[in-house]
ModelCIF file with pLDDT and N, C-alpha, C, O atoms, coordinates in Angstrom:
data_MODEL
#
_entry.id   MODEL 
#
_entity.id                         1 
_entity.type                       polymer 
_entity.pdbx_number_of_molecules   1 
#
_entity_poly.entity_id                      1 
_entity_poly.type                           'polypeptide(L)' 
_entity_poly.nstd_linkage                   no 
_entity_poly.nstd_monomer                   no 
_entity_poly.pdbx_seq_one_letter_code       SYTGWMYEERGRISTMTRLWLATVYLIGGKHPKLYSYQGA 
_entity_poly.pdbx_seq_one_letter_code_can   SYTGWMYEERGRISTMTRLWLATVYLIGGKHPKLYSYQGA 
_entity_poly.pdbx_strand_id                 A 
#
loop_
_entity_poly_seq.entity_id 
_entity_poly_seq.num 
_entity_poly_seq.mon_id 
_entity_poly_seq.hetero 
1 1  SER n 
1 2  TYR n 
1 3  THR n 
1 4  GLY n 
1 5  TRP n 
1 6  MET n 
1 7  TYR n 
1 8  GLU n 
1 9  GLU n 
1 10 ARG n 
1 11 GLY n 
1 12 ARG n 
1 13 ILE n 
1 14 SER n 
1 15 THR n 
1 16 MET n 
1 17 THR n 
1 18 ARG n 
1 19 LEU n 
1 20 TRP n 
1 21 LEU n 
1 22 ALA n 
1 23 THR n 
1 24 VAL n 
1 25 TYR n 
1 26 LEU n 
1 27 ILE n 
1 28 GLY n 
1 29 GLY n 
1 30 LYS n 
1 31 HIS n 
1 32 PRO n 
1 33 LYS n 
1 34 LEU n 
1 35 TYR n 
1 36 SER n 
1 37 TYR n 
1 38 GLN n 
1 39 GLY n 
1 40 ALA n 
#
_struct_asym.id          A 
_struct_asym.entity_id   1 
#
loop_
_ma_qa_metric.id 
_ma_qa_metric.mode 
_ma_qa_metric.name 
_ma_qa_metric.software_group_id 
_ma_qa_metric.type 
1 global pLDDT . pLDDT 
2 local  pLDDT . pLDDT 
#
_ma_qa_metric_global.metric_id      1 
_ma_qa_metric_global.metric_value   84.90 
_ma_qa_metric_global.model_id       1 
_ma_qa_metric_global.ordinal_id     1 
#
loop_
_ma_qa_metric_local.label_asym_id 
_ma_qa_metric_local.label_comp_id 
_ma_qa_metric_local.label_seq_id 
_ma_qa_metric_local.metric_id 
_ma_qa_metric_local.metric_value 
_ma_qa_metric_local.model_id 
_ma_qa_metric_local.ordinal_id 
A SER 1  2 88.00 1 1  
A TYR 2  2 89.00 1 2  
A THR 3  2 86.00 1 3  
A GLY 4  2 86.00 1 4  
A TRP 5  2 84.00 1 5  
A MET 6  2 85.00 1 6  
A TYR 7  2 86.00 1 7  
A GLU 8  2 82.00 1 8  
A GLU 9  2 82.00 1 9  
A ARG 10 2 78.00 1 10 
A GLY 11 2 75.00 1 11 
A ARG 12 2 81.00 1 12 
A ILE 13 2 83.00 1 13 
A SER 14 2 87.00 1 14 
A THR 15 2 89.00 1 15 
A MET 16 2 90.00 1 16 
A THR 17 2 87.00 1 17 
A ARG 18 2 87.00 1 18 
A LEU 19 2 90.00 1 19 
A TRP 20 2 89.00 1 20 
A LEU 21 2 85.00 1 21 
A ALA 22 2 87.00 1 22 
A THR 23 2 88.00 1 23 
A VAL 24 2 85.00 1 24 
A TYR 25 2 82.00 1 25 
A LEU 26 2 84.00 1 26 
A ILE 27 2 84.00 1 27 
A GLY 28 2 78.00 1 28 
A GLY 29 2 76.00 1 29 
A LYS 30 2 77.00 1 30 
A HIS 31 2 81.00 1 31 
A PRO 32 2 85.00 1 32 
A LYS 33 2 87.00 1 33 
A LEU 34 2 89.00 1 34 
A TYR 35 2 90.00 1 35 
A SER 36 2 86.00 1 36 
A TYR 37 2 88.00 1 37 
A GLN 38 2 88.00 1 38 
A GLY 39 2 85.00 1 39 
A ALA 40 2 87.00 1 40 
#
loop_
_atom_site.group_PDB 
_atom_site.id 
_atom_site.type_symbol 
_atom_site.label_atom_id 
_atom_site.label_alt_id 
_atom_site.label_comp_id 
_atom_site.label_asym_id 
_atom_site.label_entity_id 
_atom_site.label_seq_id 
_atom_site.pdbx_PDB_ins_code 
_atom_site.Cartn_x 
_atom_site.Cartn_y 
_atom_site.Cartn_z 
_atom_site.occupancy 
_atom_site.B_iso_or_equiv 
_atom_site.pdbx_formal_charge 
_atom_site.auth_seq_id 
_atom_site.auth_comp_id 
_atom_site.auth_asym_id 
_atom_site.auth_atom_id 
_atom_site.pdbx_PDB_model_num 
ATOM 1   N N  . SER A 1 1  ? 95.934  60.770 77.003 1.00 88.00 ? 1  SER A N  1 
ATOM 2   C CA . SER A 1 1  ? 97.256  60.020 76.934 1.00 88.00 ? 1  SER A CA 1 
ATOM 3   C C  . SER A 1 1  ? 98.093  61.174 75.616 1.00 88.00 ? 1  SER A C  1 
ATOM 4   O O  . SER A 1 1  ? 99.279  61.424 75.403 1.00 88.00 ? 1  SER A O  1 
ATOM 5   N N  . TYR A 1 2  ? 96.723  61.681 74.911 1.00 89.00 ? 2  TYR A N  1 
ATOM 6   C CA . TYR A 1 2  ? 97.545  62.249 73.798 1.00 89.00 ? 2  TYR A CA 1 
ATOM 7   C C  . TYR A 1 2  ? 98.562  63.784 74.544 1.00 89.00 ? 2  TYR A C  1 
ATOM 8   O O  . TYR A 1 2  ? 98.240  64.692 75.310 1.00 89.00 ? 2  TYR A O  1 
ATOM 9   N N  . THR A 1 3  ? 99.659  63.479 73.936 1.00 86.00 ? 3  THR A N  1 
ATOM 10  C CA . THR A 1 3  ? 100.906 64.433 73.976 1.00 86.00 ? 3  THR A CA 1 
ATOM 11  C C  . THR A 1 3  ? 101.044 65.916 73.538 1.00 86.00 ? 3  THR A C  1 
ATOM 12  O O  . THR A 1 3  ? 101.497 66.928 74.073 1.00 86.00 ? 3  THR A O  1 
ATOM 13  N N  . GLY A 1 4  ? 100.319 65.556 72.042 1.00 86.00 ? 4  GLY A N  1 
ATOM 14  C CA . GLY A 1 4  ? 100.599 66.390 71.695 1.00 86.00 ? 4  GLY A CA 1 
ATOM 15  C C  . GLY A 1 4  ? 100.848 68.353 71.922 1.00 86.00 ? 4  GLY A C  1 
ATOM 16  O O  . GLY A 1 4  ? 101.546 69.200 71.366 1.00 86.00 ? 4  GLY A O  1 
ATOM 17  N N  . TRP A 1 5  ? 99.960  68.351 72.905 1.00 84.00 ? 5  TRP A N  1 
ATOM 18  C CA . TRP A 1 5  ? 99.871  69.893 73.657 1.00 84.00 ? 5  TRP A CA 1 
ATOM 19  C C  . TRP A 1 5  ? 101.445 70.108 74.005 1.00 84.00 ? 5  TRP A C  1 
ATOM 20  O O  . TRP A 1 5  ? 101.696 71.313 74.011 1.00 84.00 ? 5  TRP A O  1 
ATOM 21  N N  . MET A 1 6  ? 102.139 69.616 74.183 1.00 85.00 ? 6  MET A N  1 
ATOM 22  C CA . MET A 1 6  ? 103.296 69.872 74.770 1.00 85.00 ? 6  MET A CA 1 
ATOM 23  C C  . MET A 1 6  ? 104.312 70.628 74.341 1.00 85.00 ? 6  MET A C  1 
ATOM 24  O O  . MET A 1 6  ? 105.137 71.376 74.866 1.00 85.00 ? 6  MET A O  1 
ATOM 25  N N  . TYR A 1 7  ? 103.807 69.893 72.205 1.00 86.00 ? 7  TYR A N  1 
ATOM 26  C CA . TYR A 1 7  ? 104.647 70.751 71.901 1.00 86.00 ? 7  TYR A CA 1 
ATOM 27  C C  . TYR A 1 7  ? 104.636 71.809 70.617 1.00 86.00 ? 7  TYR A C  1 
ATOM 28  O O  . TYR A 1 7  ? 105.378 72.034 69.661 1.00 86.00 ? 7  TYR A O  1 
ATOM 29  N N  . GLU A 1 8  ? 103.193 72.409 71.204 1.00 82.00 ? 8  GLU A N  1 
ATOM 30  C CA . GLU A 1 8  ? 102.412 73.782 70.346 1.00 82.00 ? 8  GLU A CA 1 
ATOM 31  C C  . GLU A 1 8  ? 103.548 74.585 70.271 1.00 82.00 ? 8  GLU A C  1 
ATOM 32  O O  . GLU A 1 8  ? 104.671 74.361 70.722 1.00 82.00 ? 8  GLU A O  1 
ATOM 33  N N  . GLU A 1 9  ? 102.982 75.882 69.433 1.00 82.00 ? 9  GLU A N  1 
ATOM 34  C CA . GLU A 1 9  ? 104.370 77.211 69.709 1.00 82.00 ? 9  GLU A CA 1 
ATOM 35  C C  . GLU A 1 9  ? 103.228 78.030 70.665 1.00 82.00 ? 9  GLU A C  1 
ATOM 36  O O  . GLU A 1 9  ? 102.000 78.115 70.673 1.00 82.00 ? 9  GLU A O  1 
ATOM 37  N N  . ARG A 1 10 ? 104.383 78.598 71.490 1.00 78.00 ? 10 ARG A N  1 
ATOM 38  C CA . ARG A 1 10 ? 103.136 79.256 72.399 1.00 78.00 ? 10 ARG A CA 1 
ATOM 39  C C  . ARG A 1 10 ? 101.816 80.147 71.570 1.00 78.00 ? 10 ARG A C  1 
ATOM 40  O O  . ARG A 1 10 ? 102.114 80.384 70.399 1.00 78.00 ? 10 ARG A O  1 
ATOM 41  N N  . GLY A 1 11 ? 101.009 80.450 71.814 1.00 75.00 ? 11 GLY A N  1 
ATOM 42  C CA . GLY A 1 11 ? 99.978  81.062 71.569 1.00 75.00 ? 11 GLY A CA 1 
ATOM 43  C C  . GLY A 1 11 ? 99.614  80.619 70.405 1.00 75.00 ? 11 GLY A C  1 
ATOM 44  O O  . GLY A 1 11 ? 98.531  81.095 70.065 1.00 75.00 ? 11 GLY A O  1 
ATOM 45  N N  . ARG A 1 12 ? 100.163 79.764 69.508 1.00 81.00 ? 12 ARG A N  1 
ATOM 46  C CA . ARG A 1 12 ? 99.498  78.751 68.411 1.00 81.00 ? 12 ARG A CA 1 
ATOM 47  C C  . ARG A 1 12 ? 98.779  77.318 68.757 1.00 81.00 ? 12 ARG A C  1 
ATOM 48  O O  . ARG A 1 12 ? 99.455  76.523 69.411 1.00 81.00 ? 12 ARG A O  1 
ATOM 49  N N  . ILE A 1 13 ? 97.512  76.949 68.382 1.00 83.00 ? 13 ILE A N  1 
ATOM 50  C CA . ILE A 1 13 ? 97.283  75.808 68.465 1.00 83.00 ? 13 ILE A CA 1 
ATOM 51  C C  . ILE A 1 13 ? 96.826  75.451 67.470 1.00 83.00 ? 13 ILE A C  1 
ATOM 52  O O  . ILE A 1 13 ? 96.036  76.153 66.840 1.00 83.00 ? 13 ILE A O  1 
ATOM 53  N N  . SER A 1 14 ? 97.342  73.851 66.944 1.00 87.00 ? 14 SER A N  1 
ATOM 54  C CA . SER A 1 14 ? 96.555  72.944 66.188 1.00 87.00 ? 14 SER A CA 1 
ATOM 55  C C  . SER A 1 14 ? 95.599  72.940 66.114 1.00 87.00 ? 14 SER A C  1 
ATOM 56  O O  . SER A 1 14 ? 95.113  73.502 67.096 1.00 87.00 ? 14 SER A O  1 
ATOM 57  N N  . THR A 1 15 ? 94.493  72.412 65.087 1.00 89.00 ? 15 THR A N  1 
ATOM 58  C CA . THR A 1 15 ? 93.071  72.487 65.154 1.00 89.00 ? 15 THR A CA 1 
ATOM 59  C C  . THR A 1 15 ? 93.122  70.648 66.077 1.00 89.00 ? 15 THR A C  1 
ATOM 60  O O  . THR A 1 15 ? 92.132  70.340 66.741 1.00 89.00 ? 15 THR A O  1 
ATOM 61  N N  . MET A 1 16 ? 94.037  69.884 66.006 1.00 90.00 ? 16 MET A N  1 
ATOM 62  C CA . MET A 1 16 ? 93.917  68.817 66.595 1.00 90.00 ? 16 MET A CA 1 
ATOM 63  C C  . MET A 1 16 ? 93.756  68.821 68.613 1.00 90.00 ? 16 MET A C  1 
ATOM 64  O O  . MET A 1 16 ? 92.993  68.147 69.304 1.00 90.00 ? 16 MET A O  1 
ATOM 65  N N  . THR A 1 17 ? 94.509  69.565 68.924 1.00 87.00 ? 17 THR A N  1 
ATOM 66  C CA . THR A 1 17 ? 94.781  70.220 70.166 1.00 87.00 ? 17 THR A CA 1 
ATOM 67  C C  . THR A 1 17 ? 93.768  70.532 70.744 1.00 87.00 ? 17 THR A C  1 
ATOM 68  O O  . THR A 1 17 ? 93.465  70.113 71.861 1.00 87.00 ? 17 THR A O  1 
ATOM 69  N N  . ARG A 1 18 ? 92.545  71.962 69.503 1.00 87.00 ? 18 ARG A N  1 
ATOM 70  C CA . ARG A 1 18 ? 91.815  72.635 69.619 1.00 87.00 ? 18 ARG A CA 1 
ATOM 71  C C  . ARG A 1 18 ? 90.326  71.273 69.883 1.00 87.00 ? 18 ARG A C  1 
ATOM 72  O O  . ARG A 1 18 ? 89.452  71.483 70.724 1.00 87.00 ? 18 ARG A O  1 
ATOM 73  N N  . LEU A 1 19 ? 90.333  70.128 69.097 1.00 90.00 ? 19 LEU A N  1 
ATOM 74  C CA . LEU A 1 19 ? 89.580  69.096 69.147 1.00 90.00 ? 19 LEU A CA 1 
ATOM 75  C C  . LEU A 1 19 ? 89.462  68.585 70.339 1.00 90.00 ? 19 LEU A C  1 
ATOM 76  O O  . LEU A 1 19 ? 88.419  68.299 70.927 1.00 90.00 ? 19 LEU A O  1 
ATOM 77  N N  . TRP A 1 20 ? 91.570  68.363 71.028 1.00 89.00 ? 20 TRP A N  1 
ATOM 78  C CA . TRP A 1 20 ? 91.183  66.969 72.138 1.00 89.00 ? 20 TRP A CA 1 
ATOM 79  C C  . TRP A 1 20 ? 91.143  68.180 73.199 1.00 89.00 ? 20 TRP A C  1 
ATOM 80  O O  . TRP A 1 20 ? 91.370  67.720 74.318 1.00 89.00 ? 20 TRP A O  1 
ATOM 81  N N  . LEU A 1 21 ? 90.851  70.099 73.240 1.00 85.00 ? 21 LEU A N  1 
ATOM 82  C CA . LEU A 1 21 ? 90.934  70.403 74.415 1.00 85.00 ? 21 LEU A CA 1 
ATOM 83  C C  . LEU A 1 21 ? 89.585  70.532 74.478 1.00 85.00 ? 21 LEU A C  1 
ATOM 84  O O  . LEU A 1 21 ? 89.330  70.613 75.679 1.00 85.00 ? 21 LEU A O  1 
ATOM 85  N N  . ALA A 1 22 ? 88.237  70.618 73.638 1.00 87.00 ? 22 ALA A N  1 
ATOM 86  C CA . ALA A 1 22 ? 87.180  70.871 73.780 1.00 87.00 ? 22 ALA A CA 1 
ATOM 87  C C  . ALA A 1 22 ? 86.710  69.728 74.251 1.00 87.00 ? 22 ALA A C  1 
ATOM 88  O O  . ALA A 1 22 ? 85.938  69.830 75.204 1.00 87.00 ? 22 ALA A O  1 
ATOM 89  N N  . THR A 1 23 ? 86.940  68.734 73.881 1.00 88.00 ? 23 THR A N  1 
ATOM 90  C CA . THR A 1 23 ? 86.427  66.679 74.232 1.00 88.00 ? 23 THR A CA 1 
ATOM 91  C C  . THR A 1 23 ? 86.648  66.745 75.382 1.00 88.00 ? 23 THR A C  1 
ATOM 92  O O  . THR A 1 23 ? 85.781  66.348 76.161 1.00 88.00 ? 23 THR A O  1 
ATOM 93  N N  . VAL A 1 24 ? 88.009  67.321 75.925 1.00 85.00 ? 24 VAL A N  1 
ATOM 94  C CA . VAL A 1 24 ? 88.245  67.041 77.480 1.00 85.00 ? 24 VAL A CA 1 
ATOM 95  C C  . VAL A 1 24 ? 87.430  67.896 78.018 1.00 85.00 ? 24 VAL A C  1 
ATOM 96  O O  . VAL A 1 24 ? 87.162  67.590 79.181 1.00 85.00 ? 24 VAL A O  1 
ATOM 97  N N  . TYR A 1 25 ? 87.085  68.544 77.765 1.00 82.00 ? 25 TYR A N  1 
ATOM 98  C CA . TYR A 1 25 ? 86.370  69.904 78.938 1.00 82.00 ? 25 TYR A CA 1 
ATOM 99  C C  . TYR A 1 25 ? 84.777  70.201 78.706 1.00 82.00 ? 25 TYR A C  1 
ATOM 100 O O  . TYR A 1 25 ? 84.061  71.086 79.175 1.00 82.00 ? 25 TYR A O  1 
ATOM 101 N N  . LEU A 1 26 ? 84.455  68.985 77.687 1.00 84.00 ? 26 LEU A N  1 
ATOM 102 C CA . LEU A 1 26 ? 82.910  68.018 78.022 1.00 84.00 ? 26 LEU A CA 1 
ATOM 103 C C  . LEU A 1 26 ? 83.076  67.144 79.089 1.00 84.00 ? 26 LEU A C  1 
ATOM 104 O O  . LEU A 1 26 ? 82.823  67.150 80.294 1.00 84.00 ? 26 LEU A O  1 
ATOM 105 N N  . ILE A 1 27 ? 83.665  66.258 78.142 1.00 84.00 ? 27 ILE A N  1 
ATOM 106 C CA . ILE A 1 27 ? 83.315  65.161 79.214 1.00 84.00 ? 27 ILE A CA 1 
ATOM 107 C C  . ILE A 1 27 ? 84.413  65.152 80.644 1.00 84.00 ? 27 ILE A C  1 
ATOM 108 O O  . ILE A 1 27 ? 84.297  64.696 81.781 1.00 84.00 ? 27 ILE A O  1 
ATOM 109 N N  . GLY A 1 28 ? 84.960  65.528 80.279 1.00 78.00 ? 28 GLY A N  1 
ATOM 110 C CA . GLY A 1 28 ? 85.226  66.331 82.026 1.00 78.00 ? 28 GLY A CA 1 
ATOM 111 C C  . GLY A 1 28 ? 84.971  66.912 82.764 1.00 78.00 ? 28 GLY A C  1 
ATOM 112 O O  . GLY A 1 28 ? 85.542  66.917 83.854 1.00 78.00 ? 28 GLY A O  1 
ATOM 113 N N  . GLY A 1 29 ? 83.483  68.023 82.273 1.00 76.00 ? 29 GLY A N  1 
ATOM 114 C CA . GLY A 1 29 ? 83.410  69.116 83.241 1.00 76.00 ? 29 GLY A CA 1 
ATOM 115 C C  . GLY A 1 29 ? 83.758  69.975 83.433 1.00 76.00 ? 29 GLY A C  1 
ATOM 116 O O  . GLY A 1 29 ? 84.918  70.019 83.024 1.00 76.00 ? 29 GLY A O  1 
ATOM 117 N N  . LYS A 1 30 ? 83.307  71.348 84.109 1.00 77.00 ? 30 LYS A N  1 
ATOM 118 C CA . LYS A 1 30 ? 83.592  72.206 83.931 1.00 77.00 ? 30 LYS A CA 1 
ATOM 119 C C  . LYS A 1 30 ? 84.845  72.632 85.248 1.00 77.00 ? 30 LYS A C  1 
ATOM 120 O O  . LYS A 1 30 ? 85.825  73.370 85.141 1.00 77.00 ? 30 LYS A O  1 
ATOM 121 N N  . HIS A 1 31 ? 84.382  71.894 86.389 1.00 81.00 ? 31 HIS A N  1 
ATOM 122 C CA . HIS A 1 31 ? 84.474  72.388 87.554 1.00 81.00 ? 31 HIS A CA 1 
ATOM 123 C C  . HIS A 1 31 ? 84.739  71.135 87.987 1.00 81.00 ? 31 HIS A C  1 
ATOM 124 O O  . HIS A 1 31 ? 83.833  70.860 88.774 1.00 81.00 ? 31 HIS A O  1 
ATOM 125 N N  . PRO A 1 32 ? 85.638  70.049 87.883 1.00 85.00 ? 32 PRO A N  1 
ATOM 126 C CA . PRO A 1 32 ? 86.183  68.507 88.153 1.00 85.00 ? 32 PRO A CA 1 
ATOM 127 C C  . PRO A 1 32 ? 86.375  69.253 90.174 1.00 85.00 ? 32 PRO A C  1 
ATOM 128 O O  . PRO A 1 32 ? 86.499  70.282 90.839 1.00 85.00 ? 32 PRO A O  1 
ATOM 129 N N  . LYS A 1 33 ? 86.264  67.740 90.249 1.00 87.00 ? 33 LYS A N  1 
ATOM 130 C CA . LYS A 1 33 ? 86.507  68.189 92.144 1.00 87.00 ? 33 LYS A CA 1 
ATOM 131 C C  . LYS A 1 33 ? 87.804  67.095 91.950 1.00 87.00 ? 33 LYS A C  1 
ATOM 132 O O  . LYS A 1 33 ? 88.109  66.397 90.983 1.00 87.00 ? 33 LYS A O  1 
ATOM 133 N N  . LEU A 1 34 ? 88.510  67.272 93.459 1.00 89.00 ? 34 LEU A N  1 
ATOM 134 C CA . LEU A 1 34 ? 89.503  66.898 93.619 1.00 89.00 ? 34 LEU A CA 1 
ATOM 135 C C  . LEU A 1 34 ? 89.559  65.782 93.368 1.00 89.00 ? 34 LEU A C  1 
ATOM 136 O O  . LEU A 1 34 ? 90.588  65.982 92.722 1.00 89.00 ? 34 LEU A O  1 
ATOM 137 N N  . TYR A 1 35 ? 89.400  64.624 93.252 1.00 90.00 ? 35 TYR A N  1 
ATOM 138 C CA . TYR A 1 35 ? 90.054  63.374 92.440 1.00 90.00 ? 35 TYR A CA 1 
ATOM 139 C C  . TYR A 1 35 ? 88.881  62.869 91.150 1.00 90.00 ? 35 TYR A C  1 
ATOM 140 O O  . TYR A 1 35 ? 88.246  61.824 91.293 1.00 90.00 ? 35 TYR A O  1 
ATOM 141 N N  . SER A 1 36 ? 88.796  63.295 90.553 1.00 86.00 ? 36 SER A N  1 
ATOM 142 C CA . SER A 1 36 ? 87.518  63.363 89.674 1.00 86.00 ? 36 SER A CA 1 
ATOM 143 C C  . SER A 1 36 ? 88.195  62.673 88.323 1.00 86.00 ? 36 SER A C  1 
ATOM 144 O O  . SER A 1 36 ? 87.574  62.284 87.335 1.00 86.00 ? 36 SER A O  1 
ATOM 145 N N  . TYR A 1 37 ? 89.237  62.636 88.479 1.00 88.00 ? 37 TYR A N  1 
ATOM 146 C CA . TYR A 1 37 ? 89.842  62.610 87.200 1.00 88.00 ? 37 TYR A CA 1 
ATOM 147 C C  . TYR A 1 37 ? 91.109  60.966 87.584 1.00 88.00 ? 37 TYR A C  1 
ATOM 148 O O  . TYR A 1 37 ? 91.611  60.179 86.782 1.00 88.00 ? 37 TYR A O  1 
ATOM 149 N N  . GLN A 1 38 ? 91.232  61.044 89.288 1.00 88.00 ? 38 GLN A N  1 
ATOM 150 C CA . GLN A 1 38 ? 91.440  59.597 89.362 1.00 88.00 ? 38 GLN A CA 1 
ATOM 151 C C  . GLN A 1 38 ? 92.044  58.760 88.297 1.00 88.00 ? 38 GLN A C  1 
ATOM 152 O O  . GLN A 1 38 ? 93.103  58.732 87.671 1.00 88.00 ? 38 GLN A O  1 
ATOM 153 N N  . GLY A 1 39 ? 90.078  57.569 88.389 1.00 85.00 ? 39 GLY A N  1 
ATOM 154 C CA . GLY A 1 39 ? 90.086  56.761 87.705 1.00 85.00 ? 39 GLY A CA 1 
ATOM 155 C C  . GLY A 1 39 ? 90.344  56.337 86.232 1.00 85.00 ? 39 GLY A C  1 
ATOM 156 O O  . GLY A 1 39 ? 90.282  55.264 85.631 1.00 85.00 ? 39 GLY A O  1 
ATOM 157 N N  . ALA A 1 40 ? 90.720  57.857 85.830 1.00 87.00 ? 40 ALA A N  1 
ATOM 158 C CA . ALA A 1 40 ? 90.817  57.779 84.523 1.00 87.00 ? 40 ALA A CA 1 
ATOM 159 C C  . ALA A 1 40 ? 92.469  58.438 83.538 1.00 87.00 ? 40 ALA A C  1 
ATOM 160 O O  . ALA A 1 40 ? 92.532  58.351 82.312 1.00 87.00 ? 40 ALA A O  1 
#
């Protein structure tokens, strides 16, 4: 539900977005299947 990434300048990512991205990567997995995210 986080939308802050939409407003980042190209080439510059804030600390908040970096933390968010790392957390999504850890919880979502490296290679999600087609419907892995559907319920979430």
